[in-house]
N, C-alpha and C. Protein backbone atom coordinates (compact mmCIF):
# COMPACT_ATOMS: atom_id res chain seq x y z
N GLY A 1 0.75 -1.44 0.15
CA GLY A 1 0.43 0.04 -0.53
C GLY A 1 0.81 1.20 -0.01
N SER A 2 0.20 2.46 -0.60
CA SER A 2 1.28 3.95 -0.32
C SER A 2 -0.11 4.86 0.39
N SER A 3 0.52 6.03 0.74
CA SER A 3 0.53 6.61 1.23
C SER A 3 1.23 8.07 0.68
N ALA A 4 -0.27 9.46 0.73
CA ALA A 4 0.30 9.85 0.06
C ALA A 4 0.21 11.58 0.80
N TYR A 5 0.66 12.90 0.68
CA TYR A 5 0.11 14.16 2.31
C TYR A 5 0.31 15.07 1.02
N ARG A 6 -0.07 16.44 1.62
CA ARG A 6 -0.40 17.65 0.56
C ARG A 6 -0.94 18.50 1.45
N GLY A 7 -0.12 19.06 2.90
CA GLY A 7 -0.52 19.82 3.20
C GLY A 7 -1.94 19.51 4.24
N ASN A 8 -2.66 19.36 5.04
CA ASN A 8 -3.89 18.73 5.24
C ASN A 8 -4.08 17.53 5.10
N ASN A 9 -3.90 17.19 3.59
CA ASN A 9 -4.38 15.90 3.05
C ASN A 9 -4.12 15.05 3.07
N GLU A 10 -4.54 13.48 3.48
CA GLU A 10 -3.67 13.01 3.34
C GLU A 10 -4.70 11.55 2.21
N TRP A 11 -3.75 10.60 1.63
CA TRP A 11 -4.91 9.76 0.84
C TRP A 11 -3.70 8.66 1.25
N HIS A 12 -4.53 7.32 1.56
CA HIS A 12 -4.45 6.21 1.64
C HIS A 12 -4.56 4.98 0.95
N MET A 13 -3.74 4.13 -0.22
CA MET A 13 -4.52 3.38 -0.72
C MET A 13 -3.63 1.71 -0.40
N PRO A 14 -4.81 0.85 -0.34
CA PRO A 14 -4.37 -0.54 0.45
C PRO A 14 -3.43 -1.29 -0.68
N ALA A 15 -2.20 -2.06 -0.23
CA ALA A 15 -1.96 -3.13 -1.51
C ALA A 15 -2.45 -3.71 -2.60
N HIS A 16 -2.28 -3.35 -3.71
CA HIS A 16 -3.32 -4.85 -4.31
C HIS A 16 -2.60 -5.89 -4.61
N PRO A 17 -3.51 -6.94 -4.65
CA PRO A 17 -3.04 -8.36 -4.22
C PRO A 17 -2.61 -8.77 -5.96
N VAL A 18 -1.26 -9.35 -5.20
CA VAL A 18 -1.16 -10.48 -6.12
C VAL A 18 -0.74 -11.51 -6.38
N LYS A 19 -0.32 -11.72 -7.23
CA LYS A 19 0.61 -13.26 -6.74
C LYS A 19 2.06 -13.14 -6.77
N VAL A 20 3.08 -13.22 -5.41
CA VAL A 20 4.03 -12.46 -5.87
C VAL A 20 5.05 -13.44 -6.06
N VAL A 21 5.76 -13.40 -7.04
CA VAL A 21 6.96 -14.24 -8.23
C VAL A 21 8.56 -14.18 -7.32
N ASP A 22 8.49 -13.29 -7.39
CA ASP A 22 10.01 -11.76 -7.18
C ASP A 22 9.74 -10.44 -6.86
N ALA A 23 10.12 -9.67 -5.81
CA ALA A 23 10.06 -8.38 -5.60
C ALA A 23 11.06 -7.65 -5.87
N VAL A 24 11.95 -7.97 -6.53
CA VAL A 24 12.77 -7.40 -7.51
C VAL A 24 12.46 -5.98 -8.19
N GLY A 25 12.61 -4.63 -8.05
CA GLY A 25 12.53 -3.55 -9.40
C GLY A 25 10.62 -3.26 -8.31
N ALA A 26 10.06 -3.57 -7.78
CA ALA A 26 9.00 -3.29 -7.45
C ALA A 26 8.48 -1.87 -7.05
N GLY A 27 9.93 -1.58 -6.39
CA GLY A 27 9.79 0.00 -6.05
C GLY A 27 9.98 1.44 -7.37
N ASP A 28 10.83 0.72 -7.78
CA ASP A 28 11.68 0.92 -9.18
C ASP A 28 10.22 1.40 -10.12
N SER A 29 8.84 0.20 -9.92
CA SER A 29 8.32 0.54 -10.83
C SER A 29 6.96 0.99 -10.42
N PHE A 30 7.04 1.30 -8.71
CA PHE A 30 5.55 1.80 -8.05
C PHE A 30 6.56 3.53 -8.29
N ASN A 31 7.88 4.15 -8.63
CA ASN A 31 7.98 4.90 -8.85
C ASN A 31 8.07 5.59 -10.17
N ALA A 32 7.67 4.20 -11.00
CA ALA A 32 7.81 4.70 -12.66
C ALA A 32 6.51 5.09 -12.96
N GLY A 33 5.64 4.07 -11.96
CA GLY A 33 3.96 4.58 -12.30
C GLY A 33 3.03 5.93 -11.73
N PHE A 34 3.93 6.13 -10.38
CA PHE A 34 3.98 7.50 -9.52
C PHE A 34 4.09 8.86 -10.33
N LEU A 35 5.24 8.54 -11.44
CA LEU A 35 5.63 9.63 -11.84
C LEU A 35 4.81 10.11 -12.89
N HIS A 36 4.38 8.82 -14.37
CA HIS A 36 3.51 8.32 -14.85
C HIS A 36 2.10 9.54 -14.68
N GLY A 37 1.65 9.17 -13.49
CA GLY A 37 0.82 10.02 -13.33
C GLY A 37 0.48 11.08 -13.44
N TRP A 38 1.59 11.16 -12.05
CA TRP A 38 1.99 13.03 -11.81
C TRP A 38 2.43 13.66 -12.83
N LEU A 39 3.11 13.61 -13.75
CA LEU A 39 3.18 14.16 -15.13
C LEU A 39 2.29 14.70 -16.15
N HIS A 40 1.29 13.04 -15.81
CA HIS A 40 -0.04 13.29 -16.46
C HIS A 40 -1.16 14.52 -16.26
N GLY A 41 -0.84 14.67 -15.10
CA GLY A 41 -1.89 15.29 -14.24
C GLY A 41 -2.78 15.13 -13.56
N TRP A 42 -2.67 14.24 -12.95
CA TRP A 42 -3.82 12.99 -11.99
C TRP A 42 -3.77 13.69 -10.77
N GLN A 43 -5.34 12.79 -10.42
CA GLN A 43 -5.55 13.40 -9.32
C GLN A 43 -4.71 12.65 -8.10
N LEU A 44 -3.81 12.92 -7.09
CA LEU A 44 -2.93 11.94 -6.24
C LEU A 44 -3.31 11.07 -5.99
N GLN A 45 -4.41 10.57 -5.39
CA GLN A 45 -5.31 9.70 -5.18
C GLN A 45 -5.24 8.60 -6.52
N THR A 46 -5.73 9.11 -7.88
CA THR A 46 -5.42 8.32 -8.66
C THR A 46 -4.07 8.10 -9.41
N VAL A 47 -2.98 8.76 -8.71
CA VAL A 47 -1.63 8.30 -8.89
C VAL A 47 -1.27 7.46 -8.21
N ILE A 48 -1.67 7.84 -6.56
CA ILE A 48 -1.06 6.57 -5.91
C ILE A 48 -1.53 5.27 -6.37
N ALA A 49 -2.64 5.47 -6.66
CA ALA A 49 -3.26 4.06 -6.66
C ALA A 49 -2.47 2.93 -7.95
N TYR A 50 -2.96 3.78 -9.20
CA TYR A 50 -1.83 3.61 -10.06
C TYR A 50 -0.46 3.06 -9.76
N ALA A 51 0.07 4.23 -9.28
CA ALA A 51 1.29 3.59 -8.85
C ALA A 51 1.78 2.15 -8.05
N ASN A 52 0.42 1.66 -7.09
CA ASN A 52 0.26 0.71 -6.09
C ASN A 52 0.12 -0.55 -7.14
N ILE A 53 -0.57 0.07 -7.92
CA ILE A 53 -0.62 -1.52 -8.89
C ILE A 53 0.34 -1.94 -9.72
N ILE A 54 1.17 -1.11 -10.41
CA ILE A 54 1.88 -0.85 -11.57
C ILE A 54 3.43 -1.45 -10.32
N GLY A 55 3.36 -1.27 -9.40
CA GLY A 55 4.53 -1.54 -8.45
C GLY A 55 4.58 -3.00 -8.37
N ALA A 56 2.84 -3.38 -7.88
CA ALA A 56 2.43 -4.86 -7.02
C ALA A 56 2.62 -6.00 -8.58
N TRP A 57 2.24 -5.18 -10.20
CA TRP A 57 2.36 -6.12 -11.05
C TRP A 57 3.48 -6.20 -11.17
N SER A 58 4.82 -5.88 -10.87
CA SER A 58 5.96 -6.00 -11.19
C SER A 58 6.56 -6.85 -10.44
N THR A 59 5.61 -7.67 -9.61
CA THR A 59 6.12 -8.69 -9.07
C THR A 59 6.11 -9.98 -8.79
N THR A 60 4.25 -10.10 -10.33
CA THR A 60 3.89 -10.85 -10.62
C THR A 60 4.48 -12.12 -11.45
N ALA A 61 5.96 -11.38 -11.92
CA ALA A 61 7.31 -12.62 -12.58
C ALA A 61 8.71 -11.92 -12.27
N ALA A 62 9.33 -13.38 -12.76
CA ALA A 62 10.37 -13.05 -12.20
C ALA A 62 11.95 -12.08 -12.89
N GLY A 63 12.31 -10.90 -12.24
CA GLY A 63 13.05 -9.96 -12.73
C GLY A 63 11.85 -8.58 -12.53
N GLY A 64 12.59 -7.46 -12.65
CA GLY A 64 12.08 -5.97 -12.13
C GLY A 64 11.07 -5.85 -13.92
N THR A 65 11.27 -6.58 -14.73
CA THR A 65 10.41 -5.46 -15.70
C THR A 65 9.56 -7.03 -16.88
N ALA A 66 10.10 -8.16 -16.42
CA ALA A 66 9.18 -9.53 -17.57
C ALA A 66 7.93 -9.36 -17.17
N ALA A 67 6.90 -8.86 -15.92
CA ALA A 67 5.62 -9.13 -16.30
C ALA A 67 5.26 -7.11 -17.14
N PHE A 68 6.28 -6.85 -17.69
CA PHE A 68 5.74 -6.17 -18.51
C PHE A 68 6.14 -6.07 -20.32
N CYS A 69 6.35 -7.65 -20.20
CA CYS A 69 6.89 -7.71 -21.64
C CYS A 69 6.02 -9.09 -22.25
N SER A 70 4.79 -9.25 -21.46
CA SER A 70 3.85 -10.25 -22.08
C SER A 70 3.15 -9.84 -22.42
N PRO A 71 2.34 -10.01 -23.87
CA PRO A 71 1.21 -9.01 -23.75
C PRO A 71 -0.43 -9.89 -23.50
N GLU A 72 -0.20 -10.90 -23.19
CA GLU A 72 -1.30 -11.35 -22.23
C GLU A 72 -1.26 -10.81 -20.66
N LEU A 73 0.04 -10.44 -19.97
CA LEU A 73 0.23 -10.09 -18.51
C LEU A 73 -0.35 -8.18 -18.42
N LEU A 74 0.13 -7.86 -19.63
CA LEU A 74 0.12 -6.28 -20.22
C LEU A 74 -1.44 -6.32 -20.38
N SER A 75 -2.23 -6.99 -20.98
CA SER A 75 -3.62 -7.57 -20.99
C SER A 75 -4.46 -7.17 -20.22
N LYS A 76 -3.48 -8.03 -18.91
CA LYS A 76 -4.51 -8.49 -17.38
C LYS A 76 -4.31 -6.94 -16.57
N LEU A 77 -3.39 -6.92 -16.61
CA LEU A 77 -2.41 -5.55 -16.49
C LEU A 77 -3.79 -4.03 -16.84
N ALA A 78 -3.56 -4.08 -18.08
CA ALA A 78 -4.63 -3.06 -18.14
C ALA A 78 -6.04 -3.15 -18.21
N ASP A 79 -6.53 -4.35 -17.96
CA ASP A 79 -7.86 -4.66 -16.56
C ASP A 79 -7.71 -4.40 -16.35
N THR A 80 -7.18 -4.75 -14.98
CA THR A 80 -7.14 -4.18 -13.65
C THR A 80 -6.96 -2.56 -13.75
N TRP A 81 -6.39 -1.65 -14.18
CA TRP A 81 -6.40 -0.37 -14.30
C TRP A 81 -7.48 -0.11 -14.56
N ARG A 82 -8.28 -0.10 -15.65
CA ARG A 82 -9.51 0.30 -16.26
C ARG A 82 -10.74 -0.40 -15.10
N ILE A 83 -10.89 -1.27 -14.09
CA ILE A 83 -11.46 -1.30 -13.17
C ILE A 83 -11.30 -0.30 -11.79
N ALA A 84 -9.89 -0.66 -11.84
CA ALA A 84 -9.97 0.81 -10.56
C ALA A 84 -10.08 2.19 -11.00
N HIS A 85 -9.68 2.34 -12.09
CA HIS A 85 -9.72 3.81 -12.52
C HIS A 85 -11.19 3.91 -12.49
N ARG A 86 -12.03 3.39 -13.16
CA ARG A 86 -14.03 3.48 -12.94
C ARG A 86 -14.16 3.83 -11.10
N LEU A 87 -13.69 2.72 -10.38
CA LEU A 87 -14.15 2.69 -9.20
C LEU A 87 -13.51 4.29 -8.42
N LEU A 88 -11.74 4.71 -8.92
CA LEU A 88 -12.01 5.50 -7.97
C LEU A 88 -12.68 7.05 -8.97
N CYS A 89 -12.50 7.20 -10.41
CA CYS A 89 -13.69 7.27 -10.75
C CYS A 89 -14.80 8.02 -10.28
N SER A 90 -15.46 6.95 -9.44
CA SER A 90 -17.15 7.26 -9.22
C SER A 90 -17.27 7.64 -7.94
N GLU A 91 -15.81 7.26 -7.03
CA GLU A 91 -15.37 8.33 -5.81
C GLU A 91 -15.98 9.57 -5.60
N ASP A 92 -14.64 10.16 -6.92
CA ASP A 92 -15.04 11.44 -6.94
C ASP A 92 -16.08 12.64 -6.72
């Protein structure tokens, strides 16, 4: 999971559940996901949710980037993000 703070505001996102194969690169992947959302101007709650999913997803295959190299796994990741994004947007 992750938390973010700005002024008096705080956001908390639970860990995204996955079957962990290898945790190498999870932090780097989280950071990449965070920066992607931040640079696209997303709301902070959406940014940390996306970063959580990307960081968790990186642990589903051996090595830091293998989970992002399979078209099948990327399709599942995209489905996961679409569902999570719909839920986040419905809370706004």
